[in-house]
Amino acid sequence: MKRILLIGAGAQGSTVAKRMNEEPNVSEIICADYDEKAVLELQNDLDKATAVKLDATKIENIVKAAKGVDLIVNALPIKYGHVVIEAALQAKVHYQDFAAADDGKKDWVEGIKEMLSDKNEQFKAIGKSALISTGSAPGLANIIAREATDKLDRCEAIKIFVYEGVQAKRFLPFWWSPEVAYGDMNDTAYIYENGKIVETESFSRPVWVKFKGFDQEIRMVEHAHDEPVTLGLLADQYLKGVKHVWFKYGGVGIDFAEPLYRMGLLSNQPIDVKGTTIIPRDVALKLTPPAPKYKNEIKEILDEGLESDTGAFLIRVEGVKDGKAIQIDNYVNAPTCVEAFAKSGLTGETYLTGQCGSLFTKMFVNNKITQTGLFPPEVLNTDQRSYYLQEAAKLDITVDEYID
């Protein structure tokens, strides 16, 4: 029986808690967050949950909370990642997160390189596994990309496109954390181009994509994400020597945030306004409504009706097989926002990312993760990926493959 320390009781973390509450191999889920209301709600709702108020900025607090657990699941923003990873090493337990950590000191890419080298060796030394970037994108996207590249003799490009078209009637630009959204949208984005990781600017390099089932092409732009970095760094070892990796994002949140970015309102650098120093992003966050987290909040929004409830998630892999050029398009199917709420009381965004994350946790608690060290999902082997996709299908998360 496994004991889990889940740090972060937001949308994704609470979904993992609910899924693990159903797992026979889990005896206790310690739900830890600075938001005491959120963890107490999980404790009241779930048989196996224990609420703990936790300040996750201090390693010693996490190590103390992790006493006797088998796995730490980090569902906090990436700025806390380096603290939680270090705590997992000190506590000598397995580790999982939703996105590659910001180590707080190095350039983000250099931080990921350090994790895949030094932290990898440190987890190997204690005989534990650290699985990073385990949501839908990154996470499921990495598994699909590896599945497709394994069908090729040589891989030229992996292009990941995520379009979110769910729009409420009320002002609600994001169905996920505005703090994380604005941070990502103001950060430097990266692509893997001609075998090298290259900096790009958020909202730059637009392309127009025609998704299956859509009448019109959708504008997609650069967005800071893990996949071009981890897939690029592991290109030769796991991805048939891929030379180009993109992540492009589009939809309601992008259309709303791009003008704010152009105006400098997503910046975290202080400016003077009539003699008062302010942080522009603080102003934007103060005026942006939070993503709905509780069931009654979501129900209220859906009862008002949605302007649209659409989306698309495409992983396009290009390469060569038997001397011929080949393109493999993989479309992820998942419940819409309305369908997700009817199934589980979650939004569509939370359902896809949270459920995808919970499946990686399920692999841990059922002893399906056998590698030691630190690694992203593209490292998982054929049997592990097959298990993951089979379990995802049980949650109505499936993949349609088109080969041209």
Protein backbone atom coordinates (compact mmCIF):
# COMPACT_ATOMS: atom_id res chain seq x y z
CA MET A 1 0.00 0.00 0.00
CA LYS A 2 1.35 3.38 -1.02
CA ARG A 3 1.28 6.71 0.81
CA ILE A 4 1.39 9.86 -1.35
CA LEU A 5 2.29 13.42 -0.45
CA LEU A 6 0.40 15.65 -2.87
CA ILE A 7 1.62 19.25 -2.75
CA GLY A 8 -0.76 21.72 -4.37
CA ALA A 9 -4.54 21.42 -4.06
CA GLY A 10 -5.47 23.39 -7.15
CA ALA A 11 -7.27 22.05 -10.19
CA GLN A 12 -4.65 19.48 -11.22
CA GLY A 13 -3.63 18.43 -7.73
CA SER A 14 -7.19 17.89 -6.56
CA THR A 15 -7.88 15.74 -9.63
CA VAL A 16 -4.91 13.51 -8.79
CA ALA A 17 -6.16 13.23 -5.21
CA LYS A 18 -9.63 12.16 -6.35
CA ARG A 19 -8.26 9.56 -8.76
CA MET A 20 -5.82 8.14 -6.19
CA ASN A 21 -8.63 7.89 -3.65
CA GLU A 22 -10.05 5.17 -5.94
CA GLU A 23 -6.79 3.20 -6.18
CA PRO A 24 -6.67 -0.02 -4.10
CA ASN A 25 -2.88 0.27 -3.73
CA VAL A 26 -3.11 3.70 -2.06
CA SER A 27 -3.61 3.86 1.70
CA GLU A 28 -3.28 7.61 2.30
CA ILE A 29 -3.05 10.85 0.32
CA ILE A 30 -1.53 13.68 2.34
CA CYS A 31 -2.97 16.77 0.65
CA ALA A 32 -0.71 19.73 1.41
CA ASP A 33 -1.16 23.37 0.44
CA TYR A 34 -0.87 26.83 1.94
CA ASP A 35 -4.59 27.19 1.13
CA GLU A 36 -6.07 25.40 4.14
CA LYS A 37 -9.62 25.62 2.80
CA ALA A 38 -8.66 23.67 -0.33
CA VAL A 39 -7.00 20.78 1.51
CA LEU A 40 -9.76 20.58 4.12
CA GLU A 41 -12.32 20.26 1.33
CA LEU A 42 -10.36 17.32 -0.09
CA GLN A 43 -10.14 15.75 3.37
CA ASN A 44 -13.90 16.07 3.80
CA ASP A 45 -14.65 14.65 0.35
CA LEU A 46 -12.13 11.78 0.15
CA ASP A 47 -11.81 8.74 2.41
CA LYS A 48 -8.02 8.52 2.10
CA ALA A 49 -7.14 12.22 2.24
CA THR A 50 -5.39 13.94 5.15
CA ALA A 51 -5.19 17.74 5.07
CA VAL A 52 -1.94 19.53 5.94
CA LYS A 53 -1.28 23.27 5.73
CA LEU A 54 2.19 23.56 4.22
CA ASP A 55 4.61 26.34 3.35
CA ALA A 56 6.39 24.74 0.37
CA THR A 57 9.03 27.45 0.10
CA LYS A 58 11.15 25.64 2.71
CA ILE A 59 12.73 22.25 1.98
CA GLU A 60 12.60 21.18 5.63
CA ASN A 61 8.81 21.62 5.74
CA ILE A 62 8.36 19.28 2.79
CA VAL A 63 10.83 16.70 4.12
CA LYS A 64 8.94 16.62 7.42
CA ALA A 65 5.59 16.19 5.65
CA ALA A 66 7.08 13.45 3.45
CA LYS A 67 8.09 11.22 6.34
CA GLY A 68 6.93 7.67 5.58
CA VAL A 69 5.52 8.42 2.10
CA ASP A 70 6.44 6.61 -1.11
CA LEU A 71 5.86 9.40 -3.63
CA ILE A 72 5.73 13.20 -3.74
CA VAL A 73 3.44 14.62 -6.43
CA ASN A 74 4.25 18.28 -7.06
CA ALA A 75 1.25 20.17 -8.43
CA LEU A 76 2.60 23.65 -7.62
CA PRO A 77 3.74 26.33 -10.10
CA ILE A 78 7.20 25.61 -11.53
CA LYS A 79 8.92 28.26 -9.40
CA TYR A 80 8.62 25.87 -6.44
CA GLY A 81 9.90 22.88 -8.37
CA HIS A 82 13.56 23.04 -7.36
CA VAL A 83 12.56 23.13 -3.69
CA VAL A 84 10.25 20.10 -3.96
CA ILE A 85 12.75 18.08 -6.02
CA GLU A 86 15.47 18.70 -3.43
CA ALA A 87 13.05 17.69 -0.68
CA ALA A 88 12.26 14.43 -2.51
CA LEU A 89 15.99 13.67 -2.72
CA GLN A 90 16.49 14.38 0.98
CA ALA A 91 13.42 12.33 1.93
CA LYS A 92 14.55 9.57 -0.50
CA VAL A 93 11.18 9.13 -2.15
CA HIS A 94 9.86 9.00 -5.72
CA TYR A 95 8.90 12.30 -7.36
CA GLN A 96 6.42 13.49 -10.01
CA ASP A 97 5.55 16.95 -11.33
CA PHE A 98 3.39 18.54 -14.01
CA ALA A 99 6.07 20.74 -15.61
CA ALA A 100 9.85 20.98 -15.61
CA ALA A 101 11.02 23.05 -12.65
CA ASP A 102 12.53 26.48 -12.60
CA ASP A 103 15.58 26.00 -10.38
CA GLY A 104 15.49 29.63 -9.27
CA LYS A 105 19.07 30.35 -10.27
CA LYS A 106 19.95 29.15 -13.75
CA ASP A 107 18.47 29.89 -17.12
CA TRP A 108 15.43 27.61 -17.51
CA VAL A 109 16.97 25.49 -20.30
CA GLU A 110 20.20 25.13 -18.35
CA GLY A 111 18.12 24.09 -15.36
CA ILE A 112 16.46 21.31 -17.36
CA LYS A 113 19.86 20.16 -18.65
CA GLU A 114 21.08 20.03 -15.05
CA MET A 115 18.04 18.00 -14.02
CA LEU A 116 18.55 15.49 -16.83
CA SER A 117 22.19 15.08 -15.81
CA ASP A 118 23.02 15.83 -12.16
CA LYS A 119 19.55 15.30 -10.66
CA ASN A 120 19.17 12.19 -12.80
CA GLU A 121 22.31 10.73 -11.22
CA GLN A 122 21.22 11.78 -7.72
CA PHE A 123 17.89 9.96 -8.02
CA LYS A 124 19.65 6.91 -9.44
CA ALA A 125 22.00 6.95 -6.45
CA ILE A 126 19.06 6.62 -4.03
CA GLY A 127 17.27 4.10 -6.25
CA LYS A 128 14.24 6.34 -6.88
CA SER A 129 12.36 7.64 -9.93
CA ALA A 130 11.61 11.27 -10.72
CA LEU A 131 9.14 11.69 -13.58
CA ILE A 132 8.80 15.29 -14.76
CA SER A 133 6.34 17.05 -17.11
CA THR A 134 3.36 14.75 -16.60
CA GLY A 135 0.16 16.53 -17.58
CA SER A 136 -1.45 16.51 -21.01
CA ALA A 137 1.03 18.86 -22.72
CA PRO A 138 3.68 18.14 -21.60
CA GLY A 139 2.96 14.55 -20.63
CA LEU A 140 0.52 12.80 -22.94
CA ALA A 141 1.99 14.78 -25.86
CA ASN A 142 5.45 13.35 -25.15
CA ILE A 143 4.14 9.79 -25.08
CA ILE A 144 2.33 10.26 -28.39
CA ALA A 145 5.39 11.87 -29.98
CA ARG A 146 7.53 8.88 -28.94
CA GLU A 147 4.91 6.42 -30.18
CA ALA A 148 4.88 8.09 -33.60
CA THR A 149 8.65 8.45 -33.96
CA ASP A 150 9.10 4.75 -33.17
CA LYS A 151 7.22 4.04 -36.42
CA LEU A 152 9.81 5.95 -38.47
CA ASP A 153 13.32 5.22 -39.63
CA ARG A 154 14.25 8.86 -39.17
CA CYS A 155 12.33 11.75 -37.60
CA GLU A 156 12.56 15.25 -39.04
CA ALA A 157 10.01 17.25 -37.04
CA ILE A 158 7.60 17.06 -34.10
CA LYS A 159 4.98 19.84 -34.12
CA ILE A 160 2.60 20.14 -31.18
CA PHE A 161 -0.48 22.34 -31.55
CA VAL A 162 -2.92 23.08 -28.72
CA TYR A 163 -6.04 25.16 -29.39
CA GLU A 164 -8.41 26.07 -26.55
CA GLY A 165 -11.72 27.50 -27.70
CA VAL A 166 -13.86 27.25 -24.56
CA GLN A 167 -15.42 30.65 -23.85
CA ALA A 168 -17.83 31.52 -21.07
CA LYS A 169 -20.51 34.19 -21.35
CA ARG A 170 -18.95 36.00 -18.39
CA PHE A 171 -15.45 37.49 -18.44
CA LEU A 172 -13.24 34.43 -17.90
CA PRO A 173 -10.14 34.46 -20.11
CA PHE A 174 -8.48 31.40 -18.53
CA TRP A 175 -9.72 28.01 -17.35
CA TRP A 176 -6.35 27.43 -15.67
CA SER A 177 -4.25 29.53 -13.30
CA PRO A 178 -3.94 33.14 -14.58
CA GLU A 179 -0.71 33.43 -12.57
CA VAL A 180 0.81 30.51 -14.45
CA ALA A 181 -0.69 31.65 -17.76
CA TYR A 182 0.73 35.18 -17.54
CA GLY A 183 4.09 33.85 -16.38
CA ASP A 184 4.32 31.44 -19.32
CA MET A 185 3.15 34.07 -21.79
CA ASN A 186 5.76 36.57 -20.66
CA ASP A 187 8.61 34.04 -20.57
CA THR A 188 11.06 33.35 -23.35
CA ALA A 189 9.77 30.53 -25.55
CA TYR A 190 12.02 27.90 -27.10
CA ILE A 191 12.05 25.75 -30.19
CA TYR A 192 14.40 22.96 -31.21
CA GLU A 193 15.62 23.92 -34.67
CA ASN A 194 18.27 22.24 -36.80
CA GLY A 195 19.40 20.21 -33.81
CA LYS A 196 19.75 23.18 -31.43
CA ILE A 197 17.58 24.78 -28.76
CA VAL A 198 16.80 28.31 -29.91
CA GLU A 199 15.15 31.20 -28.04
CA THR A 200 12.02 32.73 -29.53
CA GLU A 201 9.56 35.34 -28.27
CA SER A 202 6.13 34.53 -26.90
CA PHE A 203 3.34 35.16 -29.43
CA SER A 204 5.88 35.17 -32.30
CA ARG A 205 6.25 33.00 -35.44
CA PRO A 206 2.50 32.60 -36.09
CA VAL A 207 1.27 29.75 -38.26
CA TRP A 208 -2.26 28.99 -39.45
CA VAL A 209 -3.38 25.40 -38.84
CA LYS A 210 -6.36 23.60 -40.34
CA PHE A 211 -7.51 21.08 -37.75
CA LYS A 212 -9.76 18.19 -38.73
CA GLY A 213 -13.39 19.07 -38.06
CA PHE A 214 -12.81 22.85 -38.17
CA ASP A 215 -14.07 25.02 -41.00
CA GLN A 216 -11.42 27.71 -40.61
CA GLU A 217 -7.69 27.77 -40.02
CA ILE A 218 -6.59 28.70 -36.48
CA ARG A 219 -3.76 31.10 -35.68
CA MET A 220 -1.12 29.43 -33.49
CA VAL A 221 1.87 31.18 -31.88
CA GLU A 222 4.98 30.51 -29.82
CA HIS A 223 4.44 29.71 -26.14
CA ALA A 224 6.89 28.67 -23.42
CA HIS A 225 6.59 24.91 -22.96
CA ASP A 226 8.69 21.93 -21.94
CA GLU A 227 8.36 19.74 -25.03
CA PRO A 228 10.79 21.45 -27.43
CA VAL A 229 13.43 21.37 -24.70
CA THR A 230 13.11 17.82 -23.35
CA LEU A 231 12.34 16.24 -26.73
CA GLY A 232 15.22 18.18 -28.25
CA LEU A 233 17.72 17.23 -25.56
CA LEU A 234 16.74 13.56 -25.92
CA ALA A 235 16.42 13.63 -29.73
CA ASP A 236 19.20 11.22 -30.61
CA GLN A 237 18.62 8.83 -27.74
CA TYR A 238 14.84 8.38 -27.95
CA LEU A 239 13.36 10.26 -30.93
CA LYS A 240 15.13 9.02 -34.07
CA GLY A 241 17.34 12.10 -34.33
CA VAL A 242 14.51 14.63 -34.68
CA LYS A 243 15.82 17.99 -35.95
CA HIS A 244 12.87 20.33 -35.27
CA VAL A 245 10.40 20.46 -32.35
CA TRP A 246 7.68 23.12 -32.00
CA PHE A 247 5.00 23.90 -29.49
CA LYS A 248 2.31 26.31 -30.73
CA TYR A 249 -0.67 27.57 -28.77
CA GLY A 250 -3.85 29.32 -29.79
CA GLY A 251 -7.33 30.20 -28.63
CA VAL A 252 -9.27 32.44 -26.29
CA GLY A 253 -6.53 32.92 -23.69
CA ILE A 254 -3.90 33.75 -26.31
CA ASP A 255 -6.19 36.23 -28.09
CA PHE A 256 -6.88 37.95 -24.76
CA ALA A 257 -3.30 38.00 -23.44
CA GLU A 258 -1.36 39.03 -26.55
CA PRO A 259 -2.39 42.73 -26.41
CA LEU A 260 -1.54 42.77 -22.69
CA TYR A 261 1.90 41.37 -23.50
CA ARG A 262 2.47 43.94 -26.26
CA MET A 263 1.56 46.73 -23.80
CA GLY A 264 3.98 45.38 -21.18
CA LEU A 265 1.20 44.47 -18.73
CA LEU A 266 2.53 40.92 -18.28
CA SER A 267 5.96 42.13 -17.22
CA ASN A 268 7.17 41.48 -13.68
CA GLN A 269 9.60 44.40 -13.86
CA PRO A 270 8.65 47.43 -11.72
CA ILE A 271 7.58 50.67 -13.38
CA ASP A 272 6.80 54.14 -12.05
CA VAL A 273 3.21 55.40 -12.36
CA LYS A 274 2.75 58.95 -11.09
CA GLY A 275 5.35 58.44 -8.41
CA THR A 276 4.19 54.97 -7.36
CA THR A 277 6.19 51.85 -8.18
CA ILE A 278 4.04 48.97 -9.43
CA ILE A 279 4.53 45.57 -11.04
CA PRO A 280 2.43 45.52 -14.25
CA ARG A 281 1.66 41.79 -13.93
CA ASP A 282 0.32 42.34 -10.41
CA VAL A 283 -2.21 44.77 -11.86
CA ALA A 284 -3.24 42.31 -14.59
CA LEU A 285 -3.60 39.50 -12.04
CA LYS A 286 -5.61 41.67 -9.68
CA LEU A 287 -8.12 42.38 -12.45
CA THR A 288 -8.24 38.85 -13.92
CA PRO A 289 -10.79 36.47 -12.38
CA PRO A 290 -9.32 33.19 -11.10
CA ALA A 291 -10.03 29.97 -12.93
CA PRO A 292 -13.04 28.19 -11.41
CA LYS A 293 -11.88 25.50 -8.99
CA TYR A 294 -14.89 24.39 -6.98
CA LYS A 295 -17.81 22.42 -8.35
CA ASN A 296 -20.43 25.03 -7.47
CA GLU A 297 -18.39 27.73 -9.27
CA ILE A 298 -18.11 25.66 -12.44
CA LYS A 299 -21.80 24.76 -12.36
CA GLU A 300 -22.78 28.42 -12.08
CA ILE A 301 -20.69 29.30 -15.15
CA LEU A 302 -22.05 26.40 -17.20
CA ASP A 303 -25.62 27.16 -16.16
CA GLU A 304 -25.15 30.61 -17.67
CA GLY A 305 -24.18 28.90 -20.93
CA LEU A 306 -20.97 28.90 -22.96
CA GLU A 307 -20.25 30.97 -26.06
CA SER A 308 -18.19 28.04 -27.40
CA ASP A 309 -16.98 24.66 -26.16
CA THR A 310 -14.33 23.57 -28.65
CA GLY A 311 -10.67 22.65 -28.74
CA ALA A 312 -8.02 20.75 -30.66
CA PHE A 313 -4.84 18.93 -29.64
CA LEU A 314 -2.63 17.74 -32.49
CA ILE A 315 0.80 16.10 -32.42
CA ARG A 316 2.22 16.07 -35.96
CA VAL A 317 5.33 13.98 -36.59
CA GLU A 318 7.22 14.13 -39.88
CA GLY A 319 9.98 11.82 -41.04
CA VAL A 320 11.09 9.01 -43.32
CA LYS A 321 10.03 5.36 -43.47
CA ASP A 322 11.45 2.91 -46.05
CA GLY A 323 12.90 5.81 -48.00
CA LYS A 324 9.59 7.68 -48.26
CA ALA A 325 8.47 10.90 -46.56
CA ILE A 326 5.70 10.32 -44.03
CA GLN A 327 3.51 12.54 -41.86
CA ILE A 328 1.70 11.11 -38.83
CA ASP A 329 -1.06 13.27 -37.34
CA ASN A 330 -2.29 12.27 -33.89
CA TYR A 331 -5.44 14.01 -32.63
CA VAL A 332 -6.26 13.71 -28.94
CA ASN A 333 -9.95 13.28 -28.15
CA ALA A 334 -11.21 14.26 -24.69
CA PRO A 335 -14.49 15.36 -23.11
CA THR A 336 -15.63 18.92 -23.78
CA CYS A 337 -16.07 21.29 -20.86
CA VAL A 338 -19.77 20.44 -20.53
CA GLU A 339 -19.09 16.70 -20.88
CA ALA A 340 -16.20 16.80 -18.38
CA PHE A 341 -18.37 18.49 -15.77
CA ALA A 342 -21.16 15.96 -16.27
CA LYS A 343 -18.66 13.10 -15.86
CA SER A 344 -16.61 14.37 -12.96
CA GLY A 345 -17.50 17.90 -11.86
CA LEU A 346 -14.37 19.26 -13.58
CA THR A 347 -13.77 21.70 -16.42
CA GLY A 348 -12.49 20.33 -19.73
CA GLU A 349 -9.04 21.87 -19.12
CA THR A 350 -8.78 20.37 -15.66
CA TYR A 351 -10.16 17.04 -16.79
CA LEU A 352 -7.60 16.54 -19.54
CA THR A 353 -4.52 17.81 -17.68
CA GLY A 354 -5.47 16.45 -14.28
CA GLN A 355 -6.55 13.03 -15.48
CA CYS A 356 -3.46 12.69 -17.67
CA GLY A 357 -1.33 13.59 -14.65
CA SER A 358 -3.18 11.13 -12.42
CA LEU A 359 -2.42 8.28 -14.85
CA PHE A 360 1.30 8.81 -14.34
CA THR A 361 0.66 8.70 -10.58
CA LYS A 362 -1.29 5.48 -11.12
CA MET A 363 1.75 4.01 -12.85
CA PHE A 364 3.83 4.79 -9.76
CA VAL A 365 1.41 3.28 -7.25
CA ASN A 366 0.98 0.14 -9.37
CA ASN A 367 4.75 -0.31 -9.80
CA LYS A 368 4.75 0.37 -13.54
CA ILE A 369 7.61 2.89 -13.30
CA THR A 370 10.73 0.74 -13.07
CA GLN A 371 13.48 3.10 -14.25
CA THR A 372 15.48 5.03 -11.67
CA GLY A 373 16.76 8.57 -12.18
CA LEU A 374 15.02 11.70 -13.46
CA PHE A 375 13.34 11.68 -16.86
CA PRO A 376 10.33 12.97 -18.88
CA PRO A 377 7.58 10.72 -20.33
CA GLU A 378 9.25 10.22 -23.74
CA VAL A 379 11.73 7.94 -21.94
CA LEU A 380 9.01 5.42 -20.98
CA ASN A 381 9.26 2.13 -22.84
CA THR A 382 6.77 0.48 -25.20
CA ASP A 383 4.93 -1.49 -22.50
CA GLN A 384 4.69 1.53 -20.20
CA ARG A 385 3.32 3.73 -22.98
CA SER A 386 0.83 1.05 -23.99
CA TYR A 387 -0.42 0.77 -20.40
CA TYR A 388 -0.77 4.54 -20.15
CA LEU A 389 -2.77 4.87 -23.37
CA GLN A 390 -5.04 1.96 -22.42
CA GLU A 391 -5.79 3.54 -19.06
CA ALA A 392 -6.36 6.94 -20.72
CA ALA A 393 -8.95 5.39 -23.04
CA LYS A 394 -10.92 4.24 -19.96
CA LEU A 395 -11.26 7.94 -19.11
CA ASP A 396 -12.42 8.79 -22.66
CA ILE A 397 -9.03 10.24 -23.58
CA THR A 398 -8.16 8.63 -26.90
CA VAL A 399 -5.96 9.26 -29.93
CA ASP A 400 -6.90 9.18 -33.62
CA GLU A 401 -3.96 8.57 -35.94
CA TYR A 402 -3.83 9.69 -39.59
CA ILE A 403 -0.86 8.71 -41.76
CA ASP A 404 -0.07 10.52 -44.98
